[in-house]
Amino acid sequence: MIRNSIKTKTILGVAAIEAVLLITLIVMMLGFIRDTNFNEMNKRANATAQLFAITVKDAVLAYDLASLNAFVDEVMKSDDILYARVLDQQGRILTQSDTISPGDIDLEASEVDDGIFDAKAVIEVEGDQYGMVEVGFSIYPILNTIEEAKRWSYAIAALEMVLVAIFSFVLGRYLINKLSLLRDAAETISRGELRTQIEVKGNDEIDVVATAFNRMSSTLKATREQEKTLEQQLRNLNEELENKVEQRTLALSEKNHLLELANHEIKAAQAKLIAAEKQASLGVLASGIAHEVNNPLSIVRSNIDTLRDYIEQCVSAIEQIKKESMNPEQLNPILDKADFDYLSSDYPSLIDESEAAILRVTLIISQLRNLELNREESELELVNLRSLVEQSAEQAVQQLPDRSAGNCQILIQLPDSLFVRANARLAMDAISGVVTNALQAVPPEKEALVNIQCEREGSELKLTIEDNGMGIETQDINNIFDPFFTTREIGAGTGLGLFKVQTLMKSMDGDIELVRAKPSALFQLRFRLD
């Protein structure tokens, strides 16, 4: 009766505790998996929609349907994207994928009821909306992952409960056996066999009682028998300790293996994210280059066609003159017909305009080539920061004719003996780029004031450059470091200035940051001190 009662209580007690812990763990784990997956879906969908909107912005503004179709086809290469479309500001479809029809826009992935997470992003330029993009993501992979996690959790829980029941049964039987031995020994003692001993293999409460029983009976034994009993106990304890050490070592090995697998998966995921980010950056840069180069090339192509027509008219008039041997009075009607006076006055402007367009393309290509060469030349050394800033400021002023006349003031508030780890030429180009940008931010009729200071923070030195211009508009803040982005007039700049500065700073293990946009801009360059 006692044996069954203790065994049953042991099984039920351990099973109840294990069940509560397993249920709590499963509920928390499944909730965490669900929330994590849906949050990642929200972030990925919104980021993809925003990136898609940025990618198609120029094509929407130019109403370039061919490019829009190409962008949609490129987006649809992703396996979990079910549809994509681009709409103008009136909501009319400019292009869409040949897949399923879009549904209502969803705010959260957890609220999706049709298996498709519908995300959108607005196409804006300087605060004006020119259209939007809509992208549909399949959430079935996430749902399948959650269901798979549920099945595995239930299976593991069931297996765990079975193992707990088995181990509880074994533990109960183990305890009952100890009590049986103690009972049998007591009966033997009651029959007068005072030399009876119980073998002790542990140190729990039952073993303590058994040890006390053995001490009571050992008083009747000789000293040698008592020593043998103690040696046996020590051997038993040593075996138990070795078993525990072996089990602990095995458990640690298994956990270490799991950690290695998790680390490998994290590194693989990180590599995929880096590759995706590089591809996205390359796409934005390629799109900007194509847009900036195509504009001047279109001007050259149009001017060449016009010049070709002018030359054909002139050649035709010359051929007619040669053929008919005309006198000066007869030439005037032919020249009037060919509109020779207009041709003579118009062709120089066409040539000048084409030359300016070609020079712009050459400038863009030259800056990109220099940017790549600068990135390769990134050997760092200790250089004097004040000397670099003074040379950079002088270089920036010389590049701006409207500022060389003295209507600008650059205040350099730096120590004379402050050294940073950088490449002197690259650092000078970076500082000069920011100072040039600051001078250009001030209207020509106003005196430009540029204030340059520094602040040390740990192993870094922060160089701040502040102007007295009009500042940066809110809608432009996220784009100022993008290649070919400029707020100046068309043809007045390539839009590579701050992008080049950022690239140069990162090649020297530094960075550039916009600290303040209004009322005037404040940029911060970070250099290493050691």
Protein backbone atom coordinates (compact mmCIF):
# COMPACT_ATOMS: atom_id res chain seq x y z
CA MET A 1 0.00 0.00 0.00
CA ILE A 2 2.81 2.43 0.93
CA ARG A 3 4.76 1.53 -2.21
CA ASN A 4 1.88 2.28 -4.56
CA SER A 5 0.98 5.49 -2.71
CA ILE A 6 4.49 6.99 -2.86
CA LYS A 7 4.99 5.91 -6.46
CA THR A 8 1.66 7.37 -7.54
CA LYS A 9 2.26 10.63 -5.71
CA THR A 10 5.72 10.92 -7.25
CA ILE A 11 4.44 10.37 -10.79
CA LEU A 12 1.48 12.74 -10.40
CA GLY A 13 3.49 15.47 -8.67
CA VAL A 14 6.34 15.51 -11.16
CA ALA A 15 3.92 15.24 -14.10
CA ALA A 16 1.84 18.17 -12.82
CA ILE A 17 4.88 20.40 -12.40
CA GLU A 18 6.24 19.41 -15.79
CA ALA A 19 2.86 19.99 -17.48
CA VAL A 20 2.54 23.51 -16.05
CA LEU A 21 6.08 24.41 -17.10
CA LEU A 22 5.64 22.94 -20.58
CA ILE A 23 2.32 24.70 -21.17
CA THR A 24 3.80 28.02 -20.06
CA LEU A 25 6.90 27.52 -22.19
CA ILE A 26 4.92 26.50 -25.29
CA VAL A 27 2.50 29.42 -24.99
CA MET A 28 5.33 31.93 -24.54
CA MET A 29 7.44 30.38 -27.31
CA LEU A 30 4.59 30.25 -29.85
CA GLY A 31 3.58 33.81 -29.00
CA PHE A 32 7.15 34.97 -29.42
CA ILE A 33 7.52 33.14 -32.76
CA ARG A 34 4.23 34.61 -34.02
CA ASP A 35 5.02 38.17 -32.92
CA THR A 36 8.59 38.02 -34.21
CA ASN A 37 7.60 36.69 -37.63
CA PHE A 38 4.76 39.18 -38.06
CA ASN A 39 6.98 42.08 -36.94
CA GLU A 40 9.67 41.04 -39.40
CA MET A 41 7.02 40.78 -42.14
CA ASN A 42 5.80 44.31 -41.29
CA LYS A 43 9.33 45.71 -41.44
CA ARG A 44 10.26 43.87 -44.63
CA ALA A 45 7.00 44.76 -46.41
CA ASN A 46 7.23 48.44 -45.53
CA ALA A 47 10.94 48.61 -46.39
CA THR A 48 10.36 46.85 -49.74
CA ALA A 49 7.44 49.14 -50.59
CA GLN A 50 9.46 52.25 -49.68
CA LEU A 51 12.47 51.03 -51.71
CA PHE A 52 10.16 50.18 -54.64
CA ALA A 53 8.63 53.67 -54.44
CA ILE A 54 12.08 55.30 -54.47
CA THR A 55 13.16 53.10 -57.39
CA VAL A 56 10.16 53.95 -59.60
CA LYS A 57 9.95 57.64 -58.59
CA ASP A 58 11.92 58.95 -61.59
CA ALA A 59 10.06 56.67 -63.99
CA VAL A 60 6.68 57.85 -62.63
CA LEU A 61 7.72 61.50 -62.95
CA ALA A 62 8.88 60.85 -66.53
CA TYR A 63 5.83 58.62 -67.27
CA ASP A 64 8.29 55.96 -68.44
CA LEU A 65 6.01 52.91 -68.66
CA ALA A 66 8.77 50.67 -70.02
CA SER A 67 10.94 51.30 -66.98
CA LEU A 68 7.94 50.84 -64.68
CA ASN A 69 7.20 47.45 -66.25
CA ALA A 70 10.84 46.46 -65.85
CA PHE A 71 10.82 47.49 -62.19
CA VAL A 72 7.61 45.54 -61.54
CA ASP A 73 9.08 42.46 -63.25
CA GLU A 74 12.22 42.77 -61.14
CA VAL A 75 10.19 43.01 -57.91
CA MET A 76 8.08 39.99 -58.87
CA LYS A 77 11.21 37.81 -58.98
CA SER A 78 10.91 37.48 -55.21
CA ASP A 79 9.09 34.24 -54.38
CA ASP A 80 6.95 35.65 -51.57
CA ILE A 81 5.72 38.72 -53.51
CA LEU A 82 2.34 37.89 -55.10
CA TYR A 83 1.61 41.15 -56.90
CA ALA A 84 2.96 44.64 -57.45
CA ARG A 85 1.53 47.69 -59.14
CA VAL A 86 2.19 51.42 -59.59
CA LEU A 87 -0.56 54.05 -59.53
CA ASP A 88 -0.53 57.74 -60.42
CA GLN A 89 -1.76 60.52 -58.10
CA GLN A 90 -5.38 60.00 -59.30
CA GLY A 91 -5.22 56.32 -58.39
CA ARG A 92 -5.02 55.12 -61.98
CA ILE A 93 -2.91 52.04 -62.61
CA LEU A 94 0.28 52.81 -64.55
CA THR A 95 1.50 49.22 -64.51
CA GLN A 96 0.89 46.04 -62.56
CA SER A 97 1.99 42.42 -62.44
CA ASP A 98 0.07 39.67 -64.22
CA THR A 99 -0.83 37.89 -61.00
CA ILE A 100 -3.65 37.94 -58.47
CA SER A 101 -5.73 41.06 -57.86
CA PRO A 102 -4.75 43.33 -54.94
CA GLY A 103 -6.80 43.44 -51.78
CA ASP A 104 -7.34 46.10 -49.11
CA ILE A 105 -4.20 47.66 -47.64
CA ASP A 106 -3.26 46.00 -44.33
CA LEU A 107 -1.76 47.91 -41.40
CA GLU A 108 -0.31 44.86 -39.61
CA ALA A 109 0.62 41.40 -40.83
CA SER A 110 -1.27 39.91 -37.85
CA GLU A 111 -4.54 41.41 -39.18
CA VAL A 112 -4.37 39.71 -42.59
CA ASP A 113 -7.38 37.49 -43.29
CA ASP A 114 -6.83 36.62 -46.97
CA GLY A 115 -3.27 35.27 -46.79
CA ILE A 116 -1.80 38.38 -48.48
CA PHE A 117 -0.18 41.27 -46.64
CA ASP A 118 -0.95 44.33 -48.79
CA ALA A 119 1.59 47.15 -48.31
CA LYS A 120 1.83 50.52 -49.99
CA ALA A 121 4.24 53.46 -50.18
CA VAL A 122 3.62 56.99 -51.43
CA ILE A 123 5.77 58.47 -54.22
CA GLU A 124 6.61 61.99 -53.05
CA VAL A 125 8.86 64.75 -54.33
CA GLU A 126 9.36 67.75 -52.04
CA GLY A 127 6.14 67.01 -50.18
CA ASP A 128 3.96 66.58 -53.30
CA GLN A 129 2.39 63.17 -53.96
CA TYR A 130 2.79 61.87 -57.51
CA GLY A 131 1.50 58.36 -57.02
CA MET A 132 1.93 55.24 -54.95
CA VAL A 133 3.09 51.66 -55.17
CA GLU A 134 1.27 48.62 -53.80
CA VAL A 135 2.96 45.28 -53.09
CA GLY A 136 1.35 42.07 -51.85
CA PHE A 137 3.33 39.59 -49.72
CA SER A 138 2.29 36.03 -48.99
CA ILE A 139 2.10 35.29 -45.28
CA TYR A 140 1.59 31.56 -45.78
CA PRO A 141 5.32 30.83 -45.20
CA ILE A 142 4.97 32.52 -41.79
CA LEU A 143 1.73 30.68 -41.01
CA ASN A 144 3.33 27.39 -42.06
CA THR A 145 6.32 28.13 -39.83
CA ILE A 146 4.01 28.84 -36.89
CA GLU A 147 1.99 25.66 -37.52
CA GLU A 148 5.19 23.64 -37.84
CA ALA A 149 6.40 25.12 -34.54
CA LYS A 150 3.06 24.18 -32.94
CA ARG A 151 3.30 20.59 -34.17
CA TRP A 152 6.87 20.25 -32.96
CA SER A 153 6.01 21.86 -29.64
CA TYR A 154 3.08 19.51 -29.08
CA ALA A 155 5.16 16.51 -30.11
CA ILE A 156 8.03 17.50 -27.84
CA ALA A 157 5.61 18.18 -25.00
CA ALA A 158 3.98 14.78 -25.44
CA LEU A 159 7.36 13.06 -25.56
CA GLU A 160 8.46 15.03 -22.51
CA MET A 161 5.37 13.96 -20.56
CA VAL A 162 5.96 10.31 -21.49
CA LEU A 163 9.59 10.55 -20.41
CA VAL A 164 8.59 12.28 -17.19
CA ALA A 165 6.09 9.51 -16.46
CA ILE A 166 8.75 6.87 -17.10
CA PHE A 167 11.37 8.64 -14.99
CA SER A 168 8.83 9.24 -12.21
CA PHE A 169 7.92 5.57 -12.26
CA VAL A 170 11.59 4.60 -12.07
CA LEU A 171 12.18 7.12 -9.27
CA GLY A 172 9.16 5.84 -7.31
CA ARG A 173 10.28 2.28 -7.73
CA TYR A 174 13.76 3.29 -6.65
CA LEU A 175 12.44 4.88 -3.45
CA ILE A 176 10.14 1.93 -2.70
CA ASN A 177 13.03 -0.50 -3.12
CA LYS A 178 15.03 1.45 -0.54
CA LEU A 179 12.14 1.34 1.92
CA SER A 180 11.72 -2.39 1.29
CA LEU A 181 15.37 -2.99 2.08
CA LEU A 182 15.04 -1.01 5.28
CA ARG A 183 11.92 -2.96 6.27
CA ASP A 184 13.57 -6.35 5.56
CA ALA A 185 16.65 -5.38 7.55
CA ALA A 186 14.49 -4.33 10.50
CA GLU A 187 12.70 -7.70 10.41
CA THR A 188 16.08 -9.47 10.32
CA ILE A 189 17.24 -7.51 13.35
CA SER A 190 14.00 -8.41 15.14
CA ARG A 191 14.88 -12.09 14.60
CA GLY A 192 18.21 -11.61 16.35
CA GLU A 193 20.58 -11.29 13.36
CA LEU A 194 22.32 -8.18 14.65
CA ARG A 195 25.12 -8.17 12.00
CA THR A 196 22.73 -7.29 9.17
CA GLN A 197 23.82 -4.31 7.02
CA ILE A 198 21.94 -2.28 4.36
CA GLU A 199 23.85 -1.16 1.26
CA VAL A 200 23.74 2.66 0.98
CA LYS A 201 24.09 4.16 -2.57
CA GLY A 202 22.99 7.75 -2.08
CA ASN A 203 22.62 10.58 0.41
CA ASP A 204 18.89 11.33 0.49
CA GLU A 205 16.62 11.07 3.54
CA ILE A 206 16.04 7.32 3.14
CA ASP A 207 19.76 6.76 2.82
CA VAL A 208 20.28 8.79 6.00
CA VAL A 209 17.89 6.47 7.86
CA ALA A 210 19.63 3.45 6.38
CA THR A 211 23.01 4.83 7.43
CA ALA A 212 21.75 5.31 10.97
CA PHE A 213 20.47 1.74 10.90
CA ASN A 214 23.87 0.50 9.77
CA ARG A 215 25.60 2.49 12.50
CA MET A 216 23.33 0.85 15.05
CA SER A 217 24.19 -2.63 13.81
CA SER A 218 27.86 -1.86 13.14
CA THR A 219 28.51 -1.43 16.86
CA LEU A 220 28.35 -5.24 17.03
CA LYS A 221 30.94 -5.71 14.28
CA ALA A 222 34.63 -5.67 14.43
CA THR A 223 36.75 -2.68 13.40
CA ARG A 224 37.74 -4.29 10.10
CA GLU A 225 34.16 -4.86 9.03
CA GLN A 226 33.38 -1.23 9.82
CA GLU A 227 36.31 -0.08 7.59
CA LYS A 228 35.14 -2.25 4.70
CA THR A 229 31.67 -0.74 4.96
CA LEU A 230 33.10 2.79 4.79
CA GLU A 231 35.28 1.91 1.78
CA GLN A 232 32.26 0.51 -0.01
CA GLN A 233 30.34 3.72 0.65
CA LEU A 234 33.22 5.81 -0.74
CA ARG A 235 33.40 3.69 -3.90
CA ASN A 236 29.65 4.10 -4.41
CA LEU A 237 29.85 7.86 -3.99
CA ASN A 238 32.77 8.07 -6.43
CA GLU A 239 30.84 6.11 -9.07
CA GLU A 240 27.86 8.40 -8.68
CA LEU A 241 30.10 11.46 -9.01
CA GLU A 242 31.71 10.09 -12.17
CA ASN A 243 28.30 9.40 -13.65
CA LYS A 244 27.15 12.92 -12.85
CA VAL A 245 30.30 14.43 -14.38
CA GLU A 246 29.84 12.33 -17.52
CA GLN A 247 26.19 13.35 -17.82
CA ARG A 248 27.05 17.01 -17.26
CA THR A 249 29.79 16.88 -19.90
CA LEU A 250 27.41 15.30 -22.41
CA ALA A 251 24.77 17.97 -21.72
CA LEU A 252 27.33 20.76 -22.18
CA SER A 253 28.51 19.22 -25.45
CA GLU A 254 24.96 19.12 -26.78
CA LYS A 255 24.35 22.76 -25.80
CA ASN A 256 27.63 23.81 -27.41
CA HIS A 257 26.61 22.07 -30.64
CA LEU A 258 23.27 23.90 -30.62
CA LEU A 259 25.06 27.22 -30.08
CA GLU A 260 27.36 26.51 -33.03
CA LEU A 261 24.38 25.76 -35.26
CA ALA A 262 22.63 28.95 -34.14
CA ASN A 263 25.78 31.01 -34.76
CA HIS A 264 26.12 29.54 -38.25
CA GLU A 265 22.51 30.40 -39.06
CA ILE A 266 22.95 33.97 -37.78
CA LYS A 267 26.08 34.46 -39.92
CA ALA A 268 24.29 33.09 -42.98
CA ALA A 269 21.35 35.43 -42.43
CA GLN A 270 23.73 38.35 -41.91
CA ALA A 271 25.53 37.55 -45.19
CA LYS A 272 22.20 37.49 -47.04
CA LEU A 273 21.18 40.86 -45.56
CA ILE A 274 24.52 42.42 -46.53
CA ALA A 275 24.24 41.05 -50.08
CA ALA A 276 20.69 42.39 -50.39
CA GLU A 277 21.75 45.81 -49.12
CA LYS A 278 24.65 45.95 -51.61
CA GLN A 279 22.36 45.02 -54.50
CA ALA A 280 19.84 47.70 -53.47
CA SER A 281 22.59 50.37 -53.20
CA LEU A 282 24.01 49.36 -56.59
CA GLY A 283 20.54 49.64 -58.15
CA VAL A 284 20.01 53.15 -56.78
CA LEU A 285 23.48 54.28 -57.97
CA ALA A 286 22.98 52.75 -61.45
CA SER A 287 19.56 54.38 -61.76
CA GLY A 288 21.01 57.77 -60.80
CA ILE A 289 23.91 57.47 -63.26
CA ALA A 290 21.56 56.50 -66.08
CA HIS A 291 19.25 59.45 -65.34
CA GLU A 292 22.04 62.02 -65.02
CA VAL A 293 23.88 60.86 -68.17
CA ASN A 294 20.79 60.38 -70.36
CA ASN A 295 19.66 64.01 -69.93
CA PRO A 296 22.78 65.65 -71.48
CA LEU A 297 23.04 62.88 -74.08
CA SER A 298 19.45 63.61 -75.15
CA ILE A 299 20.42 67.28 -75.61
CA VAL A 300 23.43 66.31 -77.73
CA ARG A 301 21.35 63.88 -79.81
CA SER A 302 18.67 66.55 -80.48
CA ASN A 303 21.26 69.18 -81.41
CA ILE A 304 23.03 66.79 -83.77
CA ASP A 305 19.74 66.08 -85.56
CA THR A 306 19.13 69.84 -85.94
CA LEU A 307 22.68 70.46 -87.20
CA ARG A 308 22.26 67.61 -89.68
CA ASP A 309 19.17 69.35 -91.11
CA TYR A 310 21.06 72.67 -91.29
CA ILE A 311 23.99 71.06 -93.10
CA GLU A 312 21.70 69.30 -95.57
CA GLN A 313 20.01 72.63 -96.40
CA CYS A 314 23.39 74.33 -96.86
CA VAL A 315 24.74 71.49 -99.02
CA SER A 316 21.59 71.57 -101.15
CA ALA A 317 21.96 75.33 -101.65
CA ILE A 318 25.65 74.98 -102.52
CA GLU A 319 24.92 72.20 -105.02
CA GLN A 320 22.28 74.34 -106.70
CA ILE A 321 24.68 77.32 -106.85
CA LYS A 322 27.44 75.18 -108.38
CA LYS A 323 25.09 73.63 -110.88
CA GLU A 324 23.51 76.86 -112.19
CA SER A 325 26.54 79.23 -111.88
CA MET A 326 24.39 81.99 -110.40
CA ASN A 327 25.30 85.65 -109.97
CA PRO A 328 24.92 87.43 -106.56
CA GLU A 329 21.40 88.64 -107.38
CA GLN A 330 20.25 85.09 -108.04
CA LEU A 331 21.76 83.80 -104.77
CA ASN A 332 19.49 85.76 -102.44
CA PRO A 333 16.28 83.77 -103.13
CA ILE A 334 18.15 80.51 -102.54
CA LEU A 335 19.68 81.78 -99.29
CA ASP A 336 16.30 83.07 -98.16
CA LYS A 337 14.72 79.72 -98.93
CA ALA A 338 17.36 77.92 -96.83
CA ASP A 339 16.90 80.55 -94.08
CA PHE A 340 20.67 81.02 -94.09
CA ASP A 341 20.63 83.95 -91.65
CA TYR A 342 18.80 81.92 -89.01
CA LEU A 343 21.09 78.93 -89.57
CA SER A 344 24.15 81.14 -89.15
CA SER A 345 22.90 82.56 -85.86
CA ASP A 346 21.54 79.30 -84.41
CA TYR A 347 24.25 76.72 -85.06
CA PRO A 348 26.84 78.25 -82.62
CA SER A 349 24.36 77.98 -79.72
CA LEU A 350 23.64 74.36 -80.65
CA ILE A 351 27.35 73.55 -80.64
CA ASP A 352 27.88 75.36 -77.31
CA GLU A 353 24.90 73.59 -75.74
CA SER A 354 26.16 70.19 -76.95
CA GLU A 355 29.65 70.93 -75.68
CA ALA A 356 28.25 71.86 -72.25
CA ALA A 357 26.23 68.64 -72.14
CA ILE A 358 29.28 66.56 -73.07
CA LEU A 359 31.36 68.34 -70.42
CA ARG A 360 28.67 67.52 -67.83
CA VAL A 361 28.80 63.81 -68.74
CA THR A 362 32.60 63.96 -68.60
CA LEU A 363 32.43 65.62 -65.16
CA ILE A 364 30.07 62.95 -63.80
CA ILE A 365 32.26 60.11 -65.10
CA SER A 366 35.42 61.83 -63.80
CA GLN A 367 33.94 62.28 -60.31
CA LEU A 368 32.81 58.67 -60.18
CA ARG A 369 36.26 57.47 -61.31
CA ASN A 370 38.00 59.70 -58.76
CA LEU A 371 35.62 58.48 -56.07
CA GLU A 372 36.57 54.85 -56.75
CA LEU A 373 40.29 55.71 -56.85
CA ASN A 374 39.96 57.58 -53.55
CA ARG A 375 38.28 54.59 -51.93
CA GLU A 376 41.20 52.37 -52.97
CA GLU A 377 43.78 54.84 -51.58
CA SER A 378 42.92 54.64 -47.90
CA GLU A 379 46.26 54.23 -46.09
CA LEU A 380 45.88 55.99 -42.74
CA GLU A 381 48.42 57.98 -40.73
CA LEU A 382 48.48 60.65 -38.03
CA VAL A 383 47.83 64.07 -39.62
CA ASN A 384 47.42 67.58 -38.18
CA LEU A 385 43.70 68.39 -38.26
CA ARG A 386 44.02 72.19 -38.17
CA SER A 387 46.39 72.18 -41.13
CA LEU A 388 43.99 69.95 -43.07
CA VAL A 389 41.02 72.21 -42.30
CA GLU A 390 42.88 75.40 -43.31
CA GLN A 391 43.98 73.91 -46.65
CA SER A 392 40.51 72.48 -47.27
CA ALA A 393 38.81 75.82 -46.56
CA GLU A 394 41.20 77.64 -48.91
CA GLN A 395 40.57 75.04 -51.62
CA ALA A 396 36.79 75.38 -51.22
CA VAL A 397 36.90 79.20 -51.52
CA GLN A 398 39.08 79.04 -54.65
CA GLN A 399 36.57 76.72 -56.33
CA LEU A 400 33.75 79.29 -55.90
CA PRO A 401 34.43 82.52 -57.85
CA ASP A 402 31.50 84.33 -56.23
CA ARG A 403 33.07 83.69 -52.79
CA SER A 404 36.67 84.58 -53.68
CA ALA A 405 35.93 88.31 -53.63
CA GLY A 406 35.85 88.40 -49.83
CA ASN A 407 32.15 88.01 -49.13
CA CYS A 408 32.72 84.95 -46.96
CA GLN A 409 34.25 84.30 -43.54
CA ILE A 410 35.47 80.93 -42.26
CA LEU A 411 36.11 80.69 -38.50
CA ILE A 412 38.43 77.80 -37.59
CA GLN A 413 38.39 77.18 -33.82
CA LEU A 414 40.78 74.22 -33.51
CA PRO A 415 43.92 73.52 -31.42
CA ASP A 416 47.24 73.81 -33.24
CA SER A 417 48.53 70.38 -32.20
CA LEU A 418 45.57 68.07 -32.71
CA PHE A 419 46.24 64.90 -34.70
CA VAL A 420 43.77 62.39 -36.12
CA ARG A 421 44.27 59.10 -37.95
CA ALA A 422 43.29 59.65 -41.59
CA ASN A 423 44.52 59.82 -45.17
CA ALA A 424 45.58 63.44 -45.70
CA ARG A 425 44.35 63.77 -49.31
CA LEU A 426 41.06 61.96 -48.71
CA ALA A 427 40.38 63.91 -45.52
CA MET A 428 41.10 67.20 -47.31
CA ASP A 429 38.68 66.28 -50.12
CA ALA A 430 36.00 65.35 -47.57
CA ILE A 431 36.35 68.54 -45.49
CA SER A 432 36.55 70.69 -48.63
CA GLY A 433 33.35 69.07 -49.92
CA VAL A 434 31.41 69.96 -46.75
CA VAL A 435 32.80 73.53 -46.66
CA THR A 436 31.94 74.00 -50.35
CA ASN A 437 28.44 72.75 -49.66
CA ALA A 438 28.14 75.19 -46.73
CA LEU A 439 29.27 78.17 -48.85
CA GLN A 440 26.85 77.26 -51.64
CA ALA A 441 23.99 77.08 -49.14
CA VAL A 442 24.23 80.85 -48.56
CA PRO A 443 22.70 83.19 -51.21
CA PRO A 444 25.42 85.04 -53.26
CA GLU A 445 24.19 88.45 -52.12
CA LYS A 446 24.67 87.47 -48.44
CA GLU A 447 28.01 87.14 -46.66
CA ALA A 448 28.69 83.47 -45.94
CA LEU A 449 29.79 82.55 -42.42
CA VAL A 450 31.18 79.05 -41.78
CA ASN A 451 32.09 78.03 -38.21
CA ILE A 452 34.37 74.98 -37.73
CA GLN A 453 34.88 73.46 -34.25
CA CYS A 454 35.79 70.08 -32.76
CA GLU A 455 34.85 67.91 -29.80
CA ARG A 456 36.59 64.82 -28.45
CA GLU A 457 34.49 61.80 -27.46
CA GLY A 458 36.34 58.65 -26.38
CA SER A 459 38.57 57.40 -29.20
CA GLU A 460 36.86 59.66 -31.76
CA LEU A 461 37.09 63.33 -32.69
CA LYS A 462 33.96 65.09 -33.94
CA LEU A 463 34.59 67.96 -36.39
CA THR A 464 31.48 70.20 -36.71
CA ILE A 465 30.91 72.50 -39.71
CA GLU A 466 28.07 75.04 -39.42
CA ASP A 467 26.87 77.60 -42.00
CA ASN A 468 24.44 80.53 -41.91
CA GLY A 469 22.35 79.41 -44.87
CA MET A 470 18.67 78.53 -45.14
CA GLY A 471 19.10 74.99 -43.79
CA ILE A 472 17.78 71.74 -45.24
CA GLU A 473 14.11 71.02 -45.82
CA THR A 474 12.56 68.15 -43.89
CA GLN A 475 11.65 66.18 -47.02
CA ASP A 476 15.29 66.32 -48.21
CA ILE A 477 16.98 65.10 -45.00
CA ASN A 478 16.81 61.39 -45.88
CA ASN A 479 18.16 61.99 -49.41
CA ILE A 480 21.12 64.34 -48.94
CA PHE A 481 23.67 61.48 -48.95
CA ASP A 482 22.11 59.74 -51.96
CA PRO A 483 24.13 59.84 -55.21
CA PHE A 484 22.96 62.48 -57.76
CA PHE A 485 20.56 64.12 -55.29
CA THR A 486 20.74 67.92 -55.46
CA THR A 487 18.46 70.85 -54.65
CA ARG A 488 20.32 73.21 -56.96
CA GLU A 489 19.25 74.16 -60.47
CA ILE A 490 19.57 71.59 -63.25
CA GLY A 491 23.13 71.60 -64.55
CA ALA A 492 24.49 73.52 -61.54
CA GLY A 493 25.82 70.42 -59.81
CA THR A 494 26.17 66.66 -60.13
CA GLY A 495 24.65 65.77 -56.75
CA LEU A 496 27.73 63.69 -55.81
CA GLY A 497 29.20 66.07 -53.19
CA LEU A 498 27.89 64.68 -49.89
CA PHE A 499 27.77 61.15 -51.30
CA LYS A 500 31.49 61.45 -52.07
CA VAL A 501 32.19 62.86 -48.59
CA GLN A 502 30.36 59.96 -46.93
CA THR A 503 32.24 57.42 -49.05
CA LEU A 504 35.62 59.01 -48.26
CA MET A 505 34.92 59.18 -44.52
CA LYS A 506 33.85 55.53 -44.33
CA SER A 507 37.00 54.48 -46.22
CA MET A 508 38.96 56.04 -43.31
CA ASP A 509 36.86 54.24 -40.64
CA GLY A 510 34.96 57.49 -40.00
CA ASP A 511 31.55 58.87 -40.94
CA ILE A 512 29.52 62.04 -41.61
CA GLU A 513 26.23 62.93 -39.95
CA LEU A 514 23.67 65.72 -40.28
CA VAL A 515 23.28 66.96 -36.70
CA ARG A 516 20.90 69.85 -37.40
CA ALA A 517 18.88 70.80 -40.48
CA LYS A 518 17.22 74.05 -39.38
CA PRO A 519 17.54 77.04 -39.12
CA SER A 520 20.98 76.41 -40.66
CA ALA A 521 22.76 73.16 -41.45
CA LEU A 522 25.26 71.61 -39.01
CA PHE A 523 27.33 68.63 -40.22
CA GLN A 524 29.61 66.46 -38.10
CA LEU A 525 32.66 64.52 -39.39
CA ARG A 526 33.99 61.74 -37.13
CA PHE A 527 37.71 60.85 -37.21
CA ARG A 528 39.68 58.22 -35.28
CA LEU A 529 42.23 59.46 -32.77
CA ASP A 530 44.28 56.23 -32.47
